[in-house]
């Protein structure tokens, strides 16, 4: 009996040094798999959130850049010349409708070829296959009194251009605030003709389709040479 005791202790020692059992190994692998799934899911969620935030920032920057461009150009709009001026284009230098705006403005030489430019801003229906909605299209050309080209013609290379400012809009429209004559009442209107001079405010309203992450705050620009201003 005395000799058997060391043998039992030796057996217990060997069993304790045998390592993990199969069940313990399976449990460890299962836990490792669950931890990997949780970590991978969190990484994917973080990546998607970052991409969505980056896209949102790019869209916001695009709208801000377009509005800054339009604000800068429209603010420099020149008033139509008096009837006595023979240049018909200068007499009709400003014309506004709900889906088209035409005006003349001075561009400094630091922005390229300096001088007076004719600008056209138009709401164009998207005619691409499968396209829906409208886009804002901006055209500019160096103004010359003896130029026989029509406002809608493609501008001469180096002296103008055409650019889609923003597309994928559900709708867009232009509105004009001011009085049509010196004794009239200033109000918002869908059209504005050169005979009334420059409006006090020009508003560009636009909406994106439902579900589109972009937003267009109403842009109101006061031409520096305009006269009328809304009360309040």
Protein backbone atom coordinates (compact mmCIF):
# COMPACT_ATOMS: atom_id res chain seq x y z
CA UNK A 1 0.00 0.00 0.00
CA UNK A 2 2.81 2.37 0.76
CA UNK A 3 4.39 1.85 -2.69
CA UNK A 4 1.10 2.43 -4.59
CA UNK A 5 0.65 6.01 -3.43
CA UNK A 6 3.55 7.51 -5.42
CA UNK A 7 2.24 5.77 -8.55
CA UNK A 8 -1.20 7.47 -8.17
CA UNK A 9 0.39 10.88 -7.66
CA UNK A 10 2.56 10.33 -10.74
CA UNK A 11 -0.55 9.50 -12.84
CA UNK A 12 -2.35 12.67 -11.75
CA UNK A 13 0.70 14.75 -12.65
CA UNK A 14 0.87 13.30 -16.17
CA UNK A 15 -2.83 13.93 -16.75
CA UNK A 16 -2.51 17.57 -15.61
CA UNK A 17 0.36 18.11 -18.06
CA UNK A 18 -1.56 16.68 -21.04
CA UNK A 19 -2.81 20.22 -22.12
CA UNK A 20 -6.25 21.36 -23.44
CA UNK A 21 -8.98 18.89 -24.07
CA UNK A 22 -10.92 18.85 -27.34
CA UNK A 23 -13.93 20.55 -25.71
CA UNK A 24 -11.79 23.33 -24.31
CA UNK A 25 -10.22 23.88 -27.74
CA UNK A 26 -13.65 24.07 -29.42
CA UNK A 27 -14.87 26.59 -26.84
CA UNK A 28 -11.78 28.74 -27.36
CA UNK A 29 -12.18 28.68 -31.15
CA UNK A 30 -15.87 29.57 -30.83
CA UNK A 31 -15.11 32.54 -28.61
CA UNK A 32 -12.36 33.67 -30.98
CA UNK A 33 -14.78 33.47 -33.90
CA UNK A 34 -17.42 35.54 -32.07
CA UNK A 35 -14.86 38.18 -31.15
CA UNK A 36 -13.67 38.33 -34.77
CA UNK A 37 -17.25 38.77 -36.03
CA UNK A 38 -17.90 41.62 -33.58
CA UNK A 39 -14.64 43.37 -34.45
CA UNK A 40 -15.16 42.97 -38.21
CA UNK A 41 -18.76 44.23 -37.97
CA UNK A 42 -17.63 47.27 -36.02
CA UNK A 43 -14.93 47.98 -38.59
CA UNK A 44 -17.41 47.76 -41.47
CA UNK A 45 -19.87 50.05 -39.66
CA UNK A 46 -17.14 52.58 -38.98
CA UNK A 47 -15.97 52.48 -42.60
CA UNK A 48 -19.49 53.00 -43.92
CA UNK A 49 -20.12 55.87 -41.49
CA UNK A 50 -16.86 57.52 -42.56
CA UNK A 51 -17.69 57.12 -46.26
CA UNK A 52 -21.20 58.53 -45.74
CA UNK A 53 -19.81 61.48 -43.81
CA UNK A 54 -17.18 62.13 -46.46
CA UNK A 55 -19.78 62.00 -49.25
CA UNK A 56 -22.04 64.36 -47.31
CA UNK A 57 -19.17 66.82 -46.85
CA UNK A 58 -18.34 66.69 -50.59
CA UNK A 59 -21.98 67.31 -51.53
CA UNK A 60 -22.23 70.24 -49.13
CA UNK A 61 -18.98 71.72 -50.48
CA UNK A 62 -20.29 71.40 -54.05
CA UNK A 63 -23.50 73.29 -53.27
CA UNK A 64 -21.59 75.96 -51.37
CA UNK A 65 -19.14 76.43 -54.25
CA UNK A 66 -21.97 76.76 -56.80
CA UNK A 67 -23.84 79.27 -54.65
CA UNK A 68 -20.67 81.29 -54.05
CA UNK A 69 -20.04 81.47 -57.81
CA UNK A 70 -23.59 82.59 -58.57
CA UNK A 71 -23.59 85.11 -55.74
CA UNK A 72 -20.34 86.65 -56.98
CA UNK A 73 -21.43 86.89 -60.61
CA UNK A 74 -25.03 88.06 -60.08
CA UNK A 75 -23.94 90.69 -57.56
CA UNK A 76 -21.84 92.29 -60.34
CA UNK A 77 -24.75 92.48 -62.81
CA UNK A 78 -24.76 95.69 -64.85
CA UNK A 79 -27.97 97.70 -65.23
CA UNK A 80 -29.44 97.97 -68.72
CA UNK A 81 -28.39 101.03 -70.68
CA UNK A 82 -30.90 103.84 -71.38
CA UNK A 83 -33.05 103.73 -74.49
CA UNK A 84 -30.81 106.33 -76.12
CA UNK A 85 -27.94 103.84 -76.37
CA UNK A 86 -27.86 102.21 -79.82
CA UNK A 87 -26.47 98.91 -78.53
CA UNK A 88 -29.58 96.74 -78.22
CA UNK A 89 -27.74 94.06 -76.24
CA UNK A 90 -26.74 96.59 -73.58
CA UNK A 91 -30.28 98.01 -73.47
CA UNK A 92 -31.63 94.50 -72.88
CA UNK A 93 -28.71 93.52 -70.67
CA UNK A 94 -30.89 91.93 -68.01
CA UNK A 95 -33.76 89.52 -68.55
CA UNK A 96 -35.22 87.13 -66.01
CA UNK A 97 -37.79 84.37 -66.20
CA UNK A 98 -38.73 81.46 -63.95
CA UNK A 99 -36.28 79.11 -65.68
CA UNK A 100 -33.77 81.46 -67.37
CA UNK A 101 -31.68 84.43 -66.30
CA UNK A 102 -29.53 86.58 -68.58
CA UNK A 103 -27.32 89.46 -67.49
CA UNK A 104 -24.12 91.34 -68.23
CA UNK A 105 -21.34 91.68 -65.65
CA UNK A 106 -17.78 92.94 -65.53
CA UNK A 107 -15.09 90.32 -64.93
CA UNK A 108 -11.64 91.47 -63.70
CA UNK A 109 -8.58 90.54 -65.74
CA UNK A 110 -7.18 88.44 -62.88
CA UNK A 111 -9.95 85.91 -63.58
CA UNK A 112 -8.78 85.45 -67.19
CA UNK A 113 -9.64 87.71 -70.13
CA UNK A 114 -11.10 90.74 -68.42
CA UNK A 115 -14.04 92.74 -69.69
CA UNK A 116 -17.82 92.62 -69.83
CA UNK A 117 -19.31 89.14 -70.16
CA UNK A 118 -22.79 87.96 -71.06
CA UNK A 119 -23.99 85.29 -68.63
CA UNK A 120 -26.85 82.85 -69.09
CA UNK A 121 -28.18 80.72 -66.23
CA UNK A 122 -30.82 78.20 -67.26
CA UNK A 123 -32.86 75.35 -65.82
CA UNK A 124 -32.47 72.46 -68.28
CA UNK A 125 -34.44 69.24 -68.27
CA UNK A 126 -32.28 66.14 -68.02
CA UNK A 127 -32.72 64.41 -71.36
CA UNK A 128 -30.27 61.57 -70.73
CA UNK A 129 -31.67 58.01 -70.98
CA UNK A 130 -33.20 57.15 -67.64
CA UNK A 131 -32.57 60.69 -66.42
CA UNK A 132 -35.06 62.55 -64.31
CA UNK A 133 -35.29 66.07 -62.98
CA UNK A 134 -33.39 69.15 -64.07
CA UNK A 135 -29.96 70.72 -63.88
CA UNK A 136 -28.55 74.24 -63.62
CA UNK A 137 -26.43 75.15 -66.63
CA UNK A 138 -24.21 78.25 -66.77
CA UNK A 139 -22.91 79.83 -69.98
CA UNK A 140 -20.65 82.84 -70.35
CA UNK A 141 -19.10 84.69 -73.31
CA UNK A 142 -17.04 87.83 -73.68
CA UNK A 143 -19.41 90.61 -74.68
CA UNK A 144 -18.60 92.58 -77.82
CA UNK A 145 -20.94 95.15 -79.33
CA UNK A 146 -20.15 93.98 -82.88
CA UNK A 147 -20.52 90.27 -82.08
CA UNK A 148 -23.15 88.71 -84.35
CA UNK A 149 -23.42 85.51 -82.32
CA UNK A 150 -26.67 84.84 -80.52
CA UNK A 151 -26.78 84.37 -76.78
CA UNK A 152 -27.60 80.67 -77.16
CA UNK A 153 -24.70 79.88 -79.51
CA UNK A 154 -21.63 78.06 -78.15
CA UNK A 155 -19.09 80.61 -76.90
CA UNK A 156 -15.84 81.14 -78.76
CA UNK A 157 -12.95 79.07 -77.44
CA UNK A 158 -10.98 80.99 -74.82
CA UNK A 159 -13.62 83.72 -74.59
CA UNK A 160 -16.37 81.82 -72.86
CA UNK A 161 -17.60 78.46 -71.76
CA UNK A 162 -20.50 76.29 -70.68
CA UNK A 163 -20.75 74.31 -67.46
CA UNK A 164 -23.32 72.21 -65.65
CA UNK A 165 -23.23 73.68 -62.16
CA UNK A 166 -25.38 71.06 -60.47
CA UNK A 167 -27.60 68.24 -61.69
CA UNK A 168 -30.06 65.75 -60.27
CA UNK A 169 -32.46 68.46 -59.08
CA UNK A 170 -36.15 67.75 -58.70
CA UNK A 171 -36.97 71.35 -59.59
CA UNK A 172 -35.44 74.83 -59.79
CA UNK A 173 -36.79 78.31 -60.41
CA UNK A 174 -35.76 81.98 -60.31
CA UNK A 175 -37.70 84.82 -58.68
CA UNK A 176 -37.19 88.58 -58.63
CA UNK A 177 -38.04 91.23 -56.04
CA UNK A 178 -38.64 94.85 -56.86
CA UNK A 179 -41.02 97.43 -58.29
CA UNK A 180 -41.55 97.58 -62.03
CA UNK A 181 -41.67 101.40 -61.99
CA UNK A 182 -40.81 104.22 -59.60
CA UNK A 183 -44.34 104.44 -58.21
CA UNK A 184 -45.04 100.73 -58.10
CA UNK A 185 -45.08 98.33 -55.16
CA UNK A 186 -42.07 96.10 -54.67
CA UNK A 187 -42.99 92.43 -54.65
CA UNK A 188 -41.70 89.00 -55.67
CA UNK A 189 -42.22 88.21 -59.35
CA UNK A 190 -41.58 85.29 -61.71
CA UNK A 191 -40.33 87.55 -64.51
CA UNK A 192 -38.26 90.68 -64.84
CA UNK A 193 -37.55 92.73 -67.95
CA UNK A 194 -34.78 95.19 -68.70
CA UNK A 195 -37.18 98.15 -68.80
CA UNK A 196 -37.47 97.96 -65.02
CA UNK A 197 -33.72 98.17 -64.48
CA UNK A 198 -32.25 95.68 -62.04
CA UNK A 199 -34.35 93.93 -59.39
CA UNK A 200 -33.51 94.50 -55.75
CA UNK A 201 -33.14 90.77 -55.08
CA UNK A 202 -32.79 87.64 -57.17
CA UNK A 203 -33.74 84.34 -55.54
CA UNK A 204 -32.68 80.92 -56.83
CA UNK A 205 -34.82 78.16 -55.35
CA UNK A 206 -34.14 74.46 -55.90
CA UNK A 207 -35.03 71.10 -54.42
CA UNK A 208 -33.42 67.68 -54.64
CA UNK A 209 -35.44 64.47 -54.96
CA UNK A 210 -36.62 62.78 -51.79
CA UNK A 211 -33.87 60.60 -50.37
CA UNK A 212 -31.07 62.66 -51.93
CA UNK A 213 -28.58 63.65 -49.27
CA UNK A 214 -27.97 67.10 -50.78
CA UNK A 215 -29.74 70.31 -49.76
CA UNK A 216 -30.03 73.66 -51.52
CA UNK A 217 -30.68 76.62 -49.19
CA UNK A 218 -32.61 79.38 -50.98
CA UNK A 219 -30.01 81.69 -52.52
CA UNK A 220 -30.86 85.40 -52.48
CA UNK A 221 -28.50 87.82 -54.18
CA UNK A 222 -28.77 91.60 -54.20
CA UNK A 223 -27.23 93.14 -57.34
CA UNK A 224 -24.95 95.91 -56.16
CA UNK A 225 -26.54 98.35 -58.60
CA UNK A 226 -30.12 97.32 -57.88
CA UNK A 227 -32.44 99.76 -56.15
CA UNK A 228 -35.44 98.04 -54.62
CA UNK A 229 -35.15 96.16 -51.33
CA UNK A 230 -37.81 94.11 -49.51
CA UNK A 231 -39.27 95.68 -46.41
CA UNK A 232 -38.10 94.00 -43.21
